[in-house]
Amino acid sequence: MRRVLPLFLLIGLFAAPSAALAHGTDAPDPTFPAVLFAWSFDPLVVIALVAVGVAYGWAVRRVNRAHASNPHPGYRSWLFGGGLLTIGVALTSPIEAYEGLLFSVHMVQHMLLELVAAPLLLAGAPITLTLRAVRPSVRRRLLAVLQSRVMHVI
């Protein structure tokens, strides 16, 4: 019986279609033309991405004006923008439409968010940019929070 049970589990795993293993959604059939037009528009995602991009751009402009001899590196802005674009693709493209239907697409979405977008955003150095863009009094308060024991644990 010990040898038969893993065999039945393995057969069941291969016999089950991949769509049955996902969450389930009302996405169109994953045929070629339907996939191209399965973009979704989630206002919360789009507004949040635009707001973060505008705030980052404002901070870059402020730092570049205040520190003309030591401006914010342009490549960091491109990296941060690439991270925002990756989040936008992961959350509004056909990947989002089919992530509840196909487990493989769901995992691609996870990989984009965790292994592509997060490092790109961090490479954009938003904390350093924020510290350079704000007034000294705000900078001191932010540094106190960033250097607190709670943040060291996190």
Protein backbone atom coordinates (compact mmCIF):
# COMPACT_ATOMS: atom_id res chain seq x y z
CA MET A 1 0.00 0.00 0.00
CA ARG A 2 2.90 2.35 0.71
CA ARG A 3 4.13 2.10 -2.87
CA VAL A 4 0.68 2.33 -4.43
CA LEU A 5 -0.45 5.58 -2.76
CA PRO A 6 2.38 7.77 -4.15
CA LEU A 7 1.79 6.23 -7.57
CA PHE A 8 -1.91 7.14 -7.47
CA LEU A 9 -1.08 10.66 -6.29
CA LEU A 10 1.39 11.08 -9.13
CA ILE A 11 -1.11 9.80 -11.70
CA GLY A 12 -3.76 12.14 -10.30
CA LEU A 13 -1.39 15.09 -10.49
CA PHE A 14 -0.60 14.45 -14.14
CA ALA A 15 -4.24 13.69 -15.01
CA ALA A 16 -5.58 16.93 -13.50
CA PRO A 17 -5.56 19.85 -15.94
CA SER A 18 -3.50 22.80 -14.83
CA ALA A 19 -6.56 25.07 -14.88
CA ALA A 20 -8.20 22.92 -12.20
CA LEU A 21 -5.30 23.59 -9.86
CA ALA A 22 -5.69 27.38 -9.95
CA HIS A 23 -8.10 29.69 -8.16
CA GLY A 24 -10.68 30.07 -10.94
CA THR A 25 -11.75 33.22 -12.74
CA ASP A 26 -13.97 34.53 -15.50
CA ALA A 27 -11.20 35.08 -18.02
CA PRO A 28 -11.72 34.60 -21.74
CA ASP A 29 -10.50 31.40 -23.32
CA PRO A 30 -6.71 31.43 -23.56
CA THR A 31 -6.64 31.46 -27.35
CA PHE A 32 -4.19 33.62 -29.27
CA PRO A 33 -6.36 36.63 -30.21
CA ALA A 34 -8.18 36.65 -26.86
CA VAL A 35 -4.90 36.76 -24.94
CA LEU A 36 -3.78 39.92 -26.72
CA PHE A 37 -6.92 41.83 -25.74
CA ALA A 38 -7.27 40.58 -22.16
CA TRP A 39 -5.79 43.72 -20.59
CA SER A 40 -7.52 44.90 -17.44
CA PHE A 41 -7.71 48.40 -16.06
CA ASP A 42 -7.68 48.50 -12.29
CA PRO A 43 -7.91 52.19 -11.34
CA LEU A 44 -6.33 51.59 -7.94
CA VAL A 45 -3.23 50.01 -9.49
CA VAL A 46 -2.88 52.64 -12.21
CA ILE A 47 -3.43 55.59 -9.86
CA ALA A 48 -0.96 54.18 -7.32
CA LEU A 49 1.72 53.58 -9.96
CA VAL A 50 1.27 57.05 -11.44
CA ALA A 51 1.34 58.67 -7.98
CA VAL A 52 4.55 56.86 -7.01
CA GLY A 53 6.14 57.74 -10.35
CA VAL A 54 5.20 61.41 -10.01
CA ALA A 55 6.50 61.53 -6.43
CA TYR A 56 9.78 59.94 -7.51
CA GLY A 57 10.08 62.40 -10.41
CA TRP A 58 9.38 65.32 -8.07
CA ALA A 59 12.09 64.12 -5.69
CA VAL A 60 14.59 63.70 -8.54
CA ARG A 61 13.87 67.21 -9.78
CA ARG A 62 14.21 68.67 -6.29
CA VAL A 63 17.51 66.88 -5.64
CA ASN A 64 18.93 67.86 -9.02
CA ARG A 65 18.06 71.52 -8.40
CA ALA A 66 19.41 71.57 -4.85
CA HIS A 67 22.55 69.56 -5.60
CA ALA A 68 23.57 70.54 -9.12
CA SER A 69 27.13 69.33 -8.56
CA ASN A 70 25.91 65.93 -7.29
CA PRO A 71 22.61 65.14 -9.05
CA HIS A 72 20.60 61.96 -8.72
CA PRO A 73 22.02 59.41 -11.20
CA GLY A 74 19.83 59.04 -14.27
CA TYR A 75 20.24 55.28 -14.43
CA ARG A 76 18.56 54.98 -11.02
CA SER A 77 15.49 56.74 -12.38
CA TRP A 78 15.39 54.30 -15.29
CA LEU A 79 15.68 51.35 -12.90
CA PHE A 80 12.88 52.66 -10.69
CA GLY A 81 10.70 53.33 -13.73
CA GLY A 82 11.40 49.80 -14.95
CA GLY A 83 10.22 48.46 -11.61
CA LEU A 84 7.00 50.46 -11.84
CA LEU A 85 6.49 49.30 -15.42
CA THR A 86 7.02 45.68 -14.36
CA ILE A 87 4.40 46.06 -11.64
CA GLY A 88 2.04 47.59 -14.17
CA VAL A 89 2.55 44.71 -16.60
CA ALA A 90 2.11 42.11 -13.86
CA LEU A 91 -1.11 43.68 -12.54
CA THR A 92 -2.89 44.98 -15.66
CA SER A 93 -1.74 42.83 -18.60
CA PRO A 94 -3.16 39.47 -19.68
CA ILE A 95 -1.02 38.00 -16.91
CA GLU A 96 -3.54 39.43 -14.44
CA ALA A 97 -6.48 38.20 -16.50
CA TYR A 98 -5.27 34.60 -16.52
CA GLU A 99 -3.50 34.37 -13.16
CA GLY A 100 -6.59 32.89 -11.53
CA LEU A 101 -7.14 30.43 -14.36
CA LEU A 102 -3.66 28.98 -14.88
CA PHE A 103 -1.32 28.26 -12.01
CA SER A 104 1.72 28.75 -14.25
CA VAL A 105 0.60 32.28 -15.11
CA HIS A 106 -0.07 32.95 -11.43
CA MET A 107 3.51 31.96 -10.65
CA VAL A 108 4.86 34.11 -13.50
CA GLN A 109 3.05 37.02 -11.88
CA HIS A 110 4.71 36.23 -8.55
CA MET A 111 8.12 36.00 -10.18
CA LEU A 112 7.68 39.34 -11.94
CA LEU A 113 6.68 41.07 -8.73
CA GLU A 114 9.25 39.45 -6.45
CA LEU A 115 12.27 38.78 -8.65
CA VAL A 116 12.07 41.58 -11.21
CA ALA A 117 10.07 44.54 -9.86
CA ALA A 118 11.35 44.54 -6.28
CA PRO A 119 15.08 44.61 -7.16
CA LEU A 120 14.49 47.26 -9.82
CA LEU A 121 12.64 49.47 -7.34
CA LEU A 122 15.37 49.03 -4.74
CA ALA A 123 18.08 49.76 -7.32
CA GLY A 124 16.32 53.08 -7.90
CA ALA A 125 17.33 54.02 -4.31
CA PRO A 126 14.04 55.65 -3.28
CA ILE A 127 15.01 55.97 0.40
CA THR A 128 18.29 57.72 -0.40
CA LEU A 129 16.48 59.98 -2.85
CA THR A 130 13.83 60.81 -0.25
CA LEU A 131 16.45 61.64 2.37
CA ARG A 132 18.21 63.95 -0.08
CA ALA A 133 14.96 65.62 -1.21
CA VAL A 134 13.38 66.53 2.14
CA ARG A 135 14.23 69.32 4.56
CA PRO A 136 16.83 68.62 7.28
CA SER A 137 14.21 68.51 10.05
CA VAL A 138 12.19 65.89 8.18
CA ARG A 139 15.40 64.02 7.33
CA ARG A 140 16.31 63.76 11.02
CA ARG A 141 12.89 62.31 11.87
CA LEU A 142 13.05 59.85 8.97
CA LEU A 143 16.53 58.74 9.97
CA ALA A 144 15.36 58.21 13.55
CA VAL A 145 12.64 55.90 12.26
CA LEU A 146 14.92 54.13 9.77
CA GLN A 147 17.59 53.54 12.42
CA SER A 148 15.17 52.43 15.15
CA ARG A 149 15.25 48.96 16.67
CA VAL A 150 11.94 48.09 15.05
CA MET A 151 13.37 48.74 11.58
CA HIS A 152 16.45 46.69 12.42
CA VAL A 153 14.19 43.76 13.23
CA ILE A 154 12.21 44.24 10.02
